[in-house]
């Protein structure tokens, strides 16, 4: 599976989910699992490898700060979900935000969260609510757990070094955040304190 194939899987699952009833994030997760389950174990391993590469590529402080603004805070786990959710938004949103995280101020769910103005709405409508499931739920039956197979496929997984995250800055400094993220700051700092 190459990167184009990966994004095709995501977009197809998004299309399938759009026509389903119920919770959009659950519909997306189900559609993605269904798509992956119809493939081979090799394809699922390749999917996970592409996912990990994209997920790791946005393990940066500027992206974390964007998640912090949108979510009203962003723990380590929330940042993992936020990055996964950005992948679930599809290639266009992922690539735009990877280049300039402040573009998320234009995302309809982010705008809705800002308008709603409550922490609950900020958590429930941010892009991370449509996180792709891990492929363990779509993996074909094996005698070994999925990640044992995955480690054999591409080598042991390692956490990204903190040095790769980029320049450190204060996520709680309003002036700093306004300078770095004018669109998101307008939605979540200025709007909520006006």
C-alpha atoms as a PDB file:
ATOM      1  CA  UNK A   1       0.000   0.000   0.000  1.00  0.00           C
ATOM      2  CA  UNK A   2       1.429   3.361  -0.979  1.00  0.00           C
ATOM      3  CA  UNK A   3       0.336   6.706   0.418  1.00  0.00           C
ATOM      4  CA  UNK A   4      -2.220   7.260  -2.350  1.00  0.00           C
ATOM      5  CA  UNK A   5      -3.789   3.881  -1.574  1.00  0.00           C
ATOM      6  CA  UNK A   6      -3.878   4.790   2.119  1.00  0.00           C
ATOM      7  CA  UNK A   7      -5.751   8.017   1.437  1.00  0.00           C
ATOM      8  CA  UNK A   8      -8.148   6.164  -0.862  1.00  0.00           C
ATOM      9  CA  UNK A   9      -9.033   3.846   2.029  1.00  0.00           C
ATOM     10  CA  UNK A  10      -9.662   6.844   4.306  1.00  0.00           C
ATOM     11  CA  UNK A  11     -11.729   8.725   1.717  1.00  0.00           C
ATOM     12  CA  UNK A  12     -13.777   5.659   0.837  1.00  0.00           C
ATOM     13  CA  UNK A  13     -14.552   5.053   4.503  1.00  0.00           C
ATOM     14  CA  UNK A  14     -15.531   8.715   4.869  1.00  0.00           C
ATOM     15  CA  UNK A  15     -17.874   8.417   1.876  1.00  0.00           C
ATOM     16  CA  UNK A  16     -19.396   5.209   3.233  1.00  0.00           C
ATOM     17  CA  UNK A  17     -19.872   6.815   6.647  1.00  0.00           C
ATOM     18  CA  UNK A  18     -21.549   9.896   5.187  1.00  0.00           C
ATOM     19  CA  UNK A  19     -24.471   7.794   3.979  1.00  0.00           C
ATOM     20  CA  UNK A  20     -24.846   5.935   7.291  1.00  0.00           C
ATOM     21  CA  UNK A  21     -27.163   6.970  10.089  1.00  0.00           C
ATOM     22  CA  UNK A  22     -26.138   7.511  13.682  1.00  0.00           C
ATOM     23  CA  UNK A  23     -22.946   8.824  15.220  1.00  0.00           C
ATOM     24  CA  UNK A  24     -20.611  10.008  12.411  1.00  0.00           C
ATOM     25  CA  UNK A  25     -17.453   8.917  14.229  1.00  0.00           C
ATOM     26  CA  UNK A  26     -18.854   5.436  14.850  1.00  0.00           C
ATOM     27  CA  UNK A  27     -20.022   5.213  11.232  1.00  0.00           C
ATOM     28  CA  UNK A  28     -16.537   6.145  10.033  1.00  0.00           C
ATOM     29  CA  UNK A  29     -14.855   3.645  12.346  1.00  0.00           C
ATOM     30  CA  UNK A  30     -17.203   0.883  11.209  1.00  0.00           C
ATOM     31  CA  UNK A  31     -16.722   1.712   7.537  1.00  0.00           C
ATOM     32  CA  UNK A  32     -12.945   1.765   7.952  1.00  0.00           C
ATOM     33  CA  UNK A  33     -12.883  -1.561   9.795  1.00  0.00           C
ATOM     34  CA  UNK A  34     -15.139  -3.073   7.140  1.00  0.00           C
ATOM     35  CA  UNK A  35     -12.844  -1.851   4.353  1.00  0.00           C
ATOM     36  CA  UNK A  36      -9.721  -3.153   6.053  1.00  0.00           C
ATOM     37  CA  UNK A  37     -11.307  -6.465   7.031  1.00  0.00           C
ATOM     38  CA  UNK A  38     -12.011  -7.142   3.355  1.00  0.00           C
ATOM     39  CA  UNK A  39      -8.286  -6.968   2.595  1.00  0.00           C
ATOM     40  CA  UNK A  40      -5.319  -9.146   3.438  1.00  0.00           C
ATOM     41  CA  UNK A  41      -3.251  -9.172   6.606  1.00  0.00           C
ATOM     42  CA  UNK A  42      -0.387  -7.707   4.556  1.00  0.00           C
ATOM     43  CA  UNK A  43      -2.572  -4.779   3.453  1.00  0.00           C
ATOM     44  CA  UNK A  44      -3.622  -4.121   7.048  1.00  0.00           C
ATOM     45  CA  UNK A  45       0.020  -4.081   8.137  1.00  0.00           C
ATOM     46  CA  UNK A  46       0.846  -1.680   5.306  1.00  0.00           C
ATOM     47  CA  UNK A  47      -2.122   0.505   6.271  1.00  0.00           C
ATOM     48  CA  UNK A  48      -0.823   0.693   9.841  1.00  0.00           C
ATOM     49  CA  UNK A  49       2.649   1.589   8.610  1.00  0.00           C
ATOM     50  CA  UNK A  50       1.281   4.471   6.509  1.00  0.00           C
ATOM     51  CA  UNK A  51      -0.897   5.597   9.417  1.00  0.00           C
ATOM     52  CA  UNK A  52       2.078   5.595  11.797  1.00  0.00           C
ATOM     53  CA  UNK A  53       4.180   7.603   9.361  1.00  0.00           C
ATOM     54  CA  UNK A  54       1.478  10.254   8.902  1.00  0.00           C
ATOM     55  CA  UNK A  55       0.683  10.293  12.623  1.00  0.00           C
ATOM     56  CA  UNK A  56       4.369  10.739  13.494  1.00  0.00           C
ATOM     57  CA  UNK A  57       4.914  13.450  10.883  1.00  0.00           C
ATOM     58  CA  UNK A  58       2.575  15.809  12.742  1.00  0.00           C
ATOM     59  CA  UNK A  59       4.025  15.071  16.170  1.00  0.00           C
ATOM     60  CA  UNK A  60       5.067  18.697  16.499  1.00  0.00           C
ATOM     61  CA  UNK A  61       4.600  21.466  19.026  1.00  0.00           C
ATOM     62  CA  UNK A  62       2.790  23.729  16.580  1.00  0.00           C
ATOM     63  CA  UNK A  63       0.238  20.994  15.907  1.00  0.00           C
ATOM     64  CA  UNK A  64      -0.074  20.288  19.626  1.00  0.00           C
ATOM     65  CA  UNK A  65      -0.683  23.983  20.265  1.00  0.00           C
ATOM     66  CA  UNK A  66      -3.468  23.995  17.662  1.00  0.00           C
ATOM     67  CA  UNK A  67      -5.051  21.013  19.422  1.00  0.00           C
ATOM     68  CA  UNK A  68      -4.627  22.849  22.735  1.00  0.00           C
ATOM     69  CA  UNK A  69      -6.540  25.869  21.432  1.00  0.00           C
ATOM     70  CA  UNK A  70      -9.301  23.811  19.839  1.00  0.00           C
ATOM     71  CA  UNK A  71      -9.762  21.455  22.770  1.00  0.00           C
ATOM     72  CA  UNK A  72      -9.330  23.925  25.587  1.00  0.00           C
ATOM     73  CA  UNK A  73      -6.232  21.932  26.574  1.00  0.00           C
ATOM     74  CA  UNK A  74      -4.574  18.872  25.097  1.00  0.00           C
ATOM     75  CA  UNK A  75      -3.036  16.049  27.133  1.00  0.00           C
ATOM     76  CA  UNK A  76      -0.608  13.509  25.667  1.00  0.00           C
ATOM     77  CA  UNK A  77      -3.470  11.103  24.969  1.00  0.00           C
ATOM     78  CA  UNK A  78      -5.674  13.853  23.564  1.00  0.00           C
ATOM     79  CA  UNK A  79      -2.852  14.871  21.227  1.00  0.00           C
ATOM     80  CA  UNK A  80      -2.602  11.300  19.949  1.00  0.00           C
ATOM     81  CA  UNK A  81      -6.336  11.352  19.278  1.00  0.00           C
ATOM     82  CA  UNK A  82      -6.153  14.811  17.728  1.00  0.00           C
ATOM     83  CA  UNK A  83      -3.517  13.693  15.211  1.00  0.00           C
ATOM     84  CA  UNK A  84      -5.462  10.526  14.410  1.00  0.00           C
ATOM     85  CA  UNK A  85      -8.588  12.607  13.975  1.00  0.00           C
ATOM     86  CA  UNK A  86      -6.808  14.899  11.569  1.00  0.00           C
ATOM     87  CA  UNK A  87      -5.856  11.884   9.457  1.00  0.00           C
ATOM     88  CA  UNK A  88      -9.503  10.823   9.533  1.00  0.00           C
ATOM     89  CA  UNK A  89     -10.471  14.172   8.025  1.00  0.00           C
ATOM     90  CA  UNK A  90      -8.813  13.073   4.778  1.00  0.00           C
ATOM     91  CA  UNK A  91      -5.817  14.032   2.738  1.00  0.00           C
ATOM     92  CA  UNK A  92      -6.797  17.613   1.950  1.00  0.00           C
ATOM     93  CA  UNK A  93      -7.300  18.664   5.582  1.00  0.00           C
ATOM     94  CA  UNK A  94      -4.284  16.677   6.743  1.00  0.00           C
ATOM     95  CA  UNK A  95      -1.926  18.212   4.195  1.00  0.00           C
ATOM     96  CA  UNK A  96      -3.240  21.739   4.712  1.00  0.00           C
ATOM     97  CA  UNK A  97      -2.959  21.515   8.504  1.00  0.00           C
ATOM     98  CA  UNK A  98       0.441  19.795   8.349  1.00  0.00           C
ATOM     99  CA  UNK A  99       1.713  22.807   6.420  1.00  0.00           C
ATOM    100  CA  UNK A 100      -0.022  25.449   8.563  1.00  0.00           C
ATOM    101  CA  UNK A 101      -2.013  24.223  11.614  1.00  0.00           C
ATOM    102  CA  UNK A 102      -3.878  27.534  11.871  1.00  0.00           C
ATOM    103  CA  UNK A 103      -5.846  26.507   8.756  1.00  0.00           C
ATOM    104  CA  UNK A 104      -7.933  24.380  11.124  1.00  0.00           C
ATOM    105  CA  UNK A 105      -9.710  27.633  12.028  1.00  0.00           C
ATOM    106  CA  UNK A 106     -11.526  27.099   8.698  1.00  0.00           C
ATOM    107  CA  UNK A 107     -12.678  23.537   9.515  1.00  0.00           C
ATOM    108  CA  UNK A 108     -16.488  23.428   9.941  1.00  0.00           C
ATOM    109  CA  UNK A 109     -16.329  21.285  13.102  1.00  0.00           C
ATOM    110  CA  UNK A 110     -13.752  23.597  14.666  1.00  0.00           C
ATOM    111  CA  UNK A 111     -15.887  26.643  13.864  1.00  0.00           C
ATOM    112  CA  UNK A 112     -18.928  24.900  15.360  1.00  0.00           C
ATOM    113  CA  UNK A 113     -16.973  24.114  18.534  1.00  0.00           C
ATOM    114  CA  UNK A 114     -15.939  27.748  18.867  1.00  0.00           C
ATOM    115  CA  UNK A 115     -19.485  29.000  18.333  1.00  0.00           C
ATOM    116  CA  UNK A 116     -20.877  26.528  20.876  1.00  0.00           C
ATOM    117  CA  UNK A 117     -18.215  27.728  23.307  1.00  0.00           C
ATOM    118  CA  UNK A 118     -18.474  24.909  25.841  1.00  0.00           C
ATOM    119  CA  UNK A 119     -15.725  22.461  26.754  1.00  0.00           C
ATOM    120  CA  UNK A 120     -18.113  19.596  25.952  1.00  0.00           C
ATOM    121  CA  UNK A 121     -18.755  20.931  22.438  1.00  0.00           C
ATOM    122  CA  UNK A 122     -15.047  21.568  21.943  1.00  0.00           C
ATOM    123  CA  UNK A 123     -14.269  17.942  22.766  1.00  0.00           C
ATOM    124  CA  UNK A 124     -17.151  16.410  20.840  1.00  0.00           C
ATOM    125  CA  UNK A 125     -16.871  18.364  17.588  1.00  0.00           C
ATOM    126  CA  UNK A 126     -13.144  18.710  17.060  1.00  0.00           C
ATOM    127  CA  UNK A 127     -11.699  16.615  14.224  1.00  0.00           C
ATOM    128  CA  UNK A 128     -10.262  14.034  16.604  1.00  0.00           C
ATOM    129  CA  UNK A 129     -13.670  12.496  17.241  1.00  0.00           C
ATOM    130  CA  UNK A 130     -13.396  10.578  13.979  1.00  0.00           C
ATOM    131  CA  UNK A 131     -10.207   8.778  14.897  1.00  0.00           C
ATOM    132  CA  UNK A 132      -9.478   5.754  12.718  1.00  0.00           C
ATOM    133  CA  UNK A 133      -9.550   2.555  14.724  1.00  0.00           C
ATOM    134  CA  UNK A 134      -6.417   0.512  15.119  1.00  0.00           C
ATOM    135  CA  UNK A 135      -6.298  -2.282  12.597  1.00  0.00           C
ATOM    136  CA  UNK A 136      -6.430  -4.906  15.336  1.00  0.00           C
ATOM    137  CA  UNK A 137     -10.196  -4.898  14.984  1.00  0.00           C
ATOM    138  CA  UNK A 138      -9.922  -5.531  11.241  1.00  0.00           C
ATOM    139  CA  UNK A 139      -6.982  -7.909  11.346  1.00  0.00           C
ATOM    140  CA  UNK A 140      -7.447 -11.425  10.095  1.00  0.00           C
ATOM    141  CA  UNK A 141      -7.202 -14.145  12.708  1.00  0.00           C
ATOM    142  CA  UNK A 142      -3.637 -14.898  13.699  1.00  0.00           C
ATOM    143  CA  UNK A 143      -1.962 -16.789  16.480  1.00  0.00           C
ATOM    144  CA  UNK A 144       0.099 -13.753  17.438  1.00  0.00           C
ATOM    145  CA  UNK A 145      -1.269 -10.351  18.487  1.00  0.00           C
ATOM    146  CA  UNK A 146      -1.379  -7.751  15.744  1.00  0.00           C
ATOM    147  CA  UNK A 147       1.528  -5.681  16.992  1.00  0.00           C
ATOM    148  CA  UNK A 148       3.810  -8.705  17.188  1.00  0.00           C
ATOM    149  CA  UNK A 149       3.113  -9.198  13.489  1.00  0.00           C
ATOM    150  CA  UNK A 150       3.571  -5.487  12.916  1.00  0.00           C
ATOM    151  CA  UNK A 151       6.950  -5.463  14.677  1.00  0.00           C
ATOM    152  CA  UNK A 152       8.081  -8.314  12.467  1.00  0.00           C
ATOM    153  CA  UNK A 153       6.766  -6.467   9.413  1.00  0.00           C
ATOM    154  CA  UNK A 154       8.550  -3.147   9.928  1.00  0.00           C
ATOM    155  CA  UNK A 155      10.638  -3.428  13.073  1.00  0.00           C
ATOM    156  CA  UNK A 156       9.826  -2.297  16.609  1.00  0.00           C
ATOM    157  CA  UNK A 157       7.889   0.912  16.951  1.00  0.00           C
ATOM    158  CA  UNK A 158       9.683   3.763  18.703  1.00  0.00           C
ATOM    159  CA  UNK A 159       8.436   7.033  20.133  1.00  0.00           C
ATOM    160  CA  UNK A 160       9.494  10.183  18.348  1.00  0.00           C
ATOM    161  CA  UNK A 161      12.293  12.089  20.026  1.00  0.00           C
ATOM    162  CA  UNK A 162      11.216  15.266  21.775  1.00  0.00           C
ATOM    163  CA  UNK A 163      13.860  17.200  19.835  1.00  0.00           C
ATOM    164  CA  UNK A 164      11.909  16.568  16.627  1.00  0.00           C
ATOM    165  CA  UNK A 165       8.885  18.457  17.917  1.00  0.00           C
ATOM    166  CA  UNK A 166      10.196  21.870  16.971  1.00  0.00           C
ATOM    167  CA  UNK A 167      10.592  25.057  18.943  1.00  0.00           C
ATOM    168  CA  UNK A 168       9.189  25.127  22.467  1.00  0.00           C
ATOM    169  CA  UNK A 169       6.726  27.885  23.336  1.00  0.00           C
ATOM    170  CA  UNK A 170       4.020  28.641  25.909  1.00  0.00           C
ATOM    171  CA  UNK A 171       0.640  27.217  24.884  1.00  0.00           C
ATOM    172  CA  UNK A 172      -1.019  29.304  27.609  1.00  0.00           C
ATOM    173  CA  UNK A 173       0.507  32.609  26.553  1.00  0.00           C
ATOM    174  CA  UNK A 174      -2.316  34.464  24.821  1.00  0.00           C
ATOM    175  CA  UNK A 175      -0.042  36.869  22.923  1.00  0.00           C
ATOM    176  CA  UNK A 176       2.205  34.020  21.760  1.00  0.00           C
ATOM    177  CA  UNK A 177      -0.771  31.979  20.581  1.00  0.00           C
ATOM    178  CA  UNK A 178      -2.363  34.965  18.840  1.00  0.00           C
ATOM    179  CA  UNK A 179       0.879  35.619  16.973  1.00  0.00           C
ATOM    180  CA  UNK A 180       1.350  31.984  15.926  1.00  0.00           C
ATOM    181  CA  UNK A 181      -2.307  31.038  15.327  1.00  0.00           C
ATOM    182  CA  UNK A 182      -4.315  34.167  14.489  1.00  0.00           C
ATOM    183  CA  UNK A 183      -7.301  32.241  13.123  1.00  0.00           C
ATOM    184  CA  UNK A 184      -7.611  29.756  15.969  1.00  0.00           C
ATOM    185  CA  UNK A 185      -6.880  32.452  18.558  1.00  0.00           C
ATOM    186  CA  UNK A 186      -9.655  34.574  17.089  1.00  0.00           C
ATOM    187  CA  UNK A 187     -12.055  31.631  17.481  1.00  0.00           C
ATOM    188  CA  UNK A 188     -10.979  30.339  20.869  1.00  0.00           C
ATOM    189  CA  UNK A 189      -9.216  33.163  22.720  1.00  0.00           C
ATOM    190  CA  UNK A 190     -10.689  36.431  21.543  1.00  0.00           C
ATOM    191  CA  UNK A 191     -14.181  35.072  20.837  1.00  0.00           C
ATOM    192  CA  UNK A 192     -14.486  33.407  24.235  1.00  0.00           C
ATOM    193  CA  UNK A 193     -13.112  36.381  26.155  1.00  0.00           C
ATOM    194  CA  UNK A 194     -14.987  39.124  24.351  1.00  0.00           C
END
